[in-house]
């Protein structure tokens, strides 16, 4: 079944192959480019890697923000992967709790279950898998 944003209501497993493929693309980018570029450079590189991996995505995907049964506005995700996973990119020295909270708030408001927060700004890439459900998170630093 699909919700009003058009995504499947079937939940993704914590180590879903789709998110693993996206993370693999991000790792390849960080190994080549390293830290130090603006977010837009990593955005373009990830779009290229997703295309090469034949992963369906929408770049800068507009998604409806819901509150109390009404649409408040539009949130633009960096990427929407296979109409199921929201990806937010950062190029900060470190991810903060506020970055994580923002992604979870968006997941709740747009009614998506899984998001990836990917930070290219540190010496090691940081990836956090966030879930709409409370107390579910996964963190990886490579």
C-alpha atoms as a PDB file:
ATOM      1  CA  UNK A   1       0.000   0.000   0.000  1.00  0.00           C
ATOM      2  CA  UNK A   2       1.252   3.525  -0.760  1.00  0.00           C
ATOM      3  CA  UNK A   3       0.728   6.644   1.362  1.00  0.00           C
ATOM      4  CA  UNK A   4       0.021  10.163   0.057  1.00  0.00           C
ATOM      5  CA  UNK A   5       3.705  10.781  -0.678  1.00  0.00           C
ATOM      6  CA  UNK A   6       3.586   7.695  -2.916  1.00  0.00           C
ATOM      7  CA  UNK A   7       5.908   5.431  -0.952  1.00  0.00           C
ATOM      8  CA  UNK A   8       5.334   1.872   0.142  1.00  0.00           C
ATOM      9  CA  UNK A   9       4.143   1.329   3.707  1.00  0.00           C
ATOM     10  CA  UNK A  10       6.255  -1.836   3.964  1.00  0.00           C
ATOM     11  CA  UNK A  11       9.025  -1.181   6.541  1.00  0.00           C
ATOM     12  CA  UNK A  12      12.668  -1.673   5.615  1.00  0.00           C
ATOM     13  CA  UNK A  13      14.845  -3.945   7.705  1.00  0.00           C
ATOM     14  CA  UNK A  14      17.665  -2.330   9.659  1.00  0.00           C
ATOM     15  CA  UNK A  15      20.327  -3.676   7.259  1.00  0.00           C
ATOM     16  CA  UNK A  16      18.225  -3.509   4.124  1.00  0.00           C
ATOM     17  CA  UNK A  17      20.179  -4.181   0.896  1.00  0.00           C
ATOM     18  CA  UNK A  18      18.937  -0.897  -0.578  1.00  0.00           C
ATOM     19  CA  UNK A  19      20.389   1.253   2.200  1.00  0.00           C
ATOM     20  CA  UNK A  20      23.573  -0.840   2.164  1.00  0.00           C
ATOM     21  CA  UNK A  21      24.006  -0.065  -1.562  1.00  0.00           C
ATOM     22  CA  UNK A  22      23.501   3.666  -0.964  1.00  0.00           C
ATOM     23  CA  UNK A  23      26.030   3.591   1.884  1.00  0.00           C
ATOM     24  CA  UNK A  24      28.475   1.772  -0.409  1.00  0.00           C
ATOM     25  CA  UNK A  25      28.102   4.547  -2.993  1.00  0.00           C
ATOM     26  CA  UNK A  26      28.812   7.171  -0.324  1.00  0.00           C
ATOM     27  CA  UNK A  27      31.888   5.312   0.906  1.00  0.00           C
ATOM     28  CA  UNK A  28      33.307   5.159  -2.635  1.00  0.00           C
ATOM     29  CA  UNK A  29      32.844   8.927  -2.968  1.00  0.00           C
ATOM     30  CA  UNK A  30      34.553   9.689   0.337  1.00  0.00           C
ATOM     31  CA  UNK A  31      37.490   7.411  -0.498  1.00  0.00           C
ATOM     32  CA  UNK A  32      38.120   9.373  -3.695  1.00  0.00           C
ATOM     33  CA  UNK A  33      37.162  12.947  -2.745  1.00  0.00           C
ATOM     34  CA  UNK A  34      37.767  12.900   1.005  1.00  0.00           C
ATOM     35  CA  UNK A  35      36.535  15.805   3.156  1.00  0.00           C
ATOM     36  CA  UNK A  36      36.702  19.498   2.324  1.00  0.00           C
ATOM     37  CA  UNK A  37      34.175  20.084  -0.442  1.00  0.00           C
ATOM     38  CA  UNK A  38      30.832  21.839  -0.233  1.00  0.00           C
ATOM     39  CA  UNK A  39      27.757  19.659   0.133  1.00  0.00           C
ATOM     40  CA  UNK A  40      26.736  20.259  -3.491  1.00  0.00           C
ATOM     41  CA  UNK A  41      29.859  18.467  -4.772  1.00  0.00           C
ATOM     42  CA  UNK A  42      29.020  15.363  -2.723  1.00  0.00           C
ATOM     43  CA  UNK A  43      25.392  15.652  -3.866  1.00  0.00           C
ATOM     44  CA  UNK A  44      26.438  15.559  -7.532  1.00  0.00           C
ATOM     45  CA  UNK A  45      28.863  12.706  -6.891  1.00  0.00           C
ATOM     46  CA  UNK A  46      26.190  10.644  -5.111  1.00  0.00           C
ATOM     47  CA  UNK A  47      23.739  11.191  -7.972  1.00  0.00           C
ATOM     48  CA  UNK A  48      26.421   9.900 -10.349  1.00  0.00           C
ATOM     49  CA  UNK A  49      27.163   6.840  -8.173  1.00  0.00           C
ATOM     50  CA  UNK A  50      23.458   6.035  -7.749  1.00  0.00           C
ATOM     51  CA  UNK A  51      23.027   6.158 -11.524  1.00  0.00           C
ATOM     52  CA  UNK A  52      26.013   3.856 -12.019  1.00  0.00           C
ATOM     53  CA  UNK A  53      24.534   1.426  -9.450  1.00  0.00           C
ATOM     54  CA  UNK A  54      21.125   1.518 -11.206  1.00  0.00           C
ATOM     55  CA  UNK A  55      19.441   2.726  -8.012  1.00  0.00           C
ATOM     56  CA  UNK A  56      16.206   4.612  -8.604  1.00  0.00           C
ATOM     57  CA  UNK A  57      16.263   8.074  -7.008  1.00  0.00           C
ATOM     58  CA  UNK A  58      14.915  11.584  -7.122  1.00  0.00           C
ATOM     59  CA  UNK A  59      17.328  14.410  -6.371  1.00  0.00           C
ATOM     60  CA  UNK A  60      15.953  17.307  -4.319  1.00  0.00           C
ATOM     61  CA  UNK A  61      12.648  15.493  -3.903  1.00  0.00           C
ATOM     62  CA  UNK A  62       9.724  17.625  -2.678  1.00  0.00           C
ATOM     63  CA  UNK A  63       7.722  15.806   0.024  1.00  0.00           C
ATOM     64  CA  UNK A  64       4.547  16.985   1.768  1.00  0.00           C
ATOM     65  CA  UNK A  65       4.877  17.816   5.472  1.00  0.00           C
ATOM     66  CA  UNK A  66       1.768  16.675   7.333  1.00  0.00           C
ATOM     67  CA  UNK A  67       0.322  17.878  10.621  1.00  0.00           C
ATOM     68  CA  UNK A  68      -3.072  16.966  12.032  1.00  0.00           C
ATOM     69  CA  UNK A  69      -4.298  15.707   8.682  1.00  0.00           C
ATOM     70  CA  UNK A  70      -3.286  18.789   6.679  1.00  0.00           C
ATOM     71  CA  UNK A  71      -0.351  19.617   4.456  1.00  0.00           C
ATOM     72  CA  UNK A  72       1.731  22.377   6.063  1.00  0.00           C
ATOM     73  CA  UNK A  73       4.254  22.732   3.301  1.00  0.00           C
ATOM     74  CA  UNK A  74       6.989  20.981   1.441  1.00  0.00           C
ATOM     75  CA  UNK A  75      10.259  19.528   2.678  1.00  0.00           C
ATOM     76  CA  UNK A  76      12.899  19.007   0.000  1.00  0.00           C
ATOM     77  CA  UNK A  77      14.963  15.893   0.664  1.00  0.00           C
ATOM     78  CA  UNK A  78      18.468  15.736  -0.803  1.00  0.00           C
ATOM     79  CA  UNK A  79      17.522  12.344  -2.244  1.00  0.00           C
ATOM     80  CA  UNK A  80      14.545  10.033  -2.207  1.00  0.00           C
ATOM     81  CA  UNK A  81      15.781   6.526  -2.949  1.00  0.00           C
ATOM     82  CA  UNK A  82      13.409   4.035  -4.589  1.00  0.00           C
ATOM     83  CA  UNK A  83      10.483   6.021  -3.180  1.00  0.00           C
ATOM     84  CA  UNK A  84      11.279   4.508   0.252  1.00  0.00           C
ATOM     85  CA  UNK A  85      14.408   6.041   1.823  1.00  0.00           C
ATOM     86  CA  UNK A  86      15.136   9.701   2.538  1.00  0.00           C
ATOM     87  CA  UNK A  87      18.815  10.679   2.279  1.00  0.00           C
ATOM     88  CA  UNK A  88      20.192  13.847   3.830  1.00  0.00           C
ATOM     89  CA  UNK A  89      23.756  14.888   3.083  1.00  0.00           C
ATOM     90  CA  UNK A  90      26.075  16.971   5.228  1.00  0.00           C
ATOM     91  CA  UNK A  91      29.597  18.299   4.776  1.00  0.00           C
ATOM     92  CA  UNK A  92      30.224  19.203   8.416  1.00  0.00           C
ATOM     93  CA  UNK A  93      33.239  18.364  10.558  1.00  0.00           C
ATOM     94  CA  UNK A  94      30.970  16.159  12.716  1.00  0.00           C
ATOM     95  CA  UNK A  95      27.298  15.243  12.830  1.00  0.00           C
ATOM     96  CA  UNK A  96      25.388  16.754  15.711  1.00  0.00           C
ATOM     97  CA  UNK A  97      22.355  15.525  17.601  1.00  0.00           C
ATOM     98  CA  UNK A  98      20.411  18.361  15.924  1.00  0.00           C
ATOM     99  CA  UNK A  99      21.159  16.867  12.483  1.00  0.00           C
ATOM    100  CA  UNK A 100      19.718  13.552  13.674  1.00  0.00           C
ATOM    101  CA  UNK A 101      16.675  15.141  15.308  1.00  0.00           C
ATOM    102  CA  UNK A 102      15.920  17.136  12.176  1.00  0.00           C
ATOM    103  CA  UNK A 103      15.950  14.001  10.007  1.00  0.00           C
ATOM    104  CA  UNK A 104      13.709  12.068  12.406  1.00  0.00           C
ATOM    105  CA  UNK A 105      11.286  15.013  12.591  1.00  0.00           C
ATOM    106  CA  UNK A 106      11.128  15.040   8.797  1.00  0.00           C
ATOM    107  CA  UNK A 107      10.539  11.277   8.720  1.00  0.00           C
ATOM    108  CA  UNK A 108       7.611  11.700  11.105  1.00  0.00           C
ATOM    109  CA  UNK A 109       6.152  14.683   9.240  1.00  0.00           C
ATOM    110  CA  UNK A 110       6.416  13.090   5.788  1.00  0.00           C
ATOM    111  CA  UNK A 111       5.498   9.604   7.037  1.00  0.00           C
ATOM    112  CA  UNK A 112       8.562   7.765   5.793  1.00  0.00           C
ATOM    113  CA  UNK A 113      10.122   5.055   7.941  1.00  0.00           C
ATOM    114  CA  UNK A 114      13.841   5.171   7.084  1.00  0.00           C
ATOM    115  CA  UNK A 115      16.371   7.915   6.502  1.00  0.00           C
ATOM    116  CA  UNK A 116      20.100   8.021   5.962  1.00  0.00           C
ATOM    117  CA  UNK A 117      22.163  10.898   7.301  1.00  0.00           C
ATOM    118  CA  UNK A 118      25.505  10.929   5.482  1.00  0.00           C
ATOM    119  CA  UNK A 119      28.316  13.283   6.467  1.00  0.00           C
ATOM    120  CA  UNK A 120      31.247  13.686   4.097  1.00  0.00           C
ATOM    121  CA  UNK A 121      32.962  16.472   6.086  1.00  0.00           C
ATOM    122  CA  UNK A 122      35.062  14.458   8.517  1.00  0.00           C
ATOM    123  CA  UNK A 123      38.246  12.477   7.984  1.00  0.00           C
ATOM    124  CA  UNK A 124      36.005   9.395   8.096  1.00  0.00           C
ATOM    125  CA  UNK A 125      32.574   9.312   6.499  1.00  0.00           C
ATOM    126  CA  UNK A 126      29.737   9.202   9.030  1.00  0.00           C
ATOM    127  CA  UNK A 127      26.503   7.398   8.239  1.00  0.00           C
ATOM    128  CA  UNK A 128      23.483   7.237  10.511  1.00  0.00           C
ATOM    129  CA  UNK A 129      20.433   5.198   9.689  1.00  0.00           C
ATOM    130  CA  UNK A 130      17.460   6.857  11.363  1.00  0.00           C
ATOM    131  CA  UNK A 131      13.969   5.494  11.794  1.00  0.00           C
ATOM    132  CA  UNK A 132      10.598   7.108  12.343  1.00  0.00           C
ATOM    133  CA  UNK A 133      10.091   4.799  15.342  1.00  0.00           C
ATOM    134  CA  UNK A 134      11.596   6.025  18.598  1.00  0.00           C
ATOM    135  CA  UNK A 135      14.821   4.411  19.852  1.00  0.00           C
ATOM    136  CA  UNK A 136      15.840   2.828  16.529  1.00  0.00           C
ATOM    137  CA  UNK A 137      19.134   4.092  15.146  1.00  0.00           C
ATOM    138  CA  UNK A 138      22.215   2.706  13.511  1.00  0.00           C
ATOM    139  CA  UNK A 139      25.580   4.477  13.313  1.00  0.00           C
ATOM    140  CA  UNK A 140      28.570   3.726  11.157  1.00  0.00           C
ATOM    141  CA  UNK A 141      31.854   5.558  10.726  1.00  0.00           C
ATOM    142  CA  UNK A 142      34.306   4.342   8.075  1.00  0.00           C
END
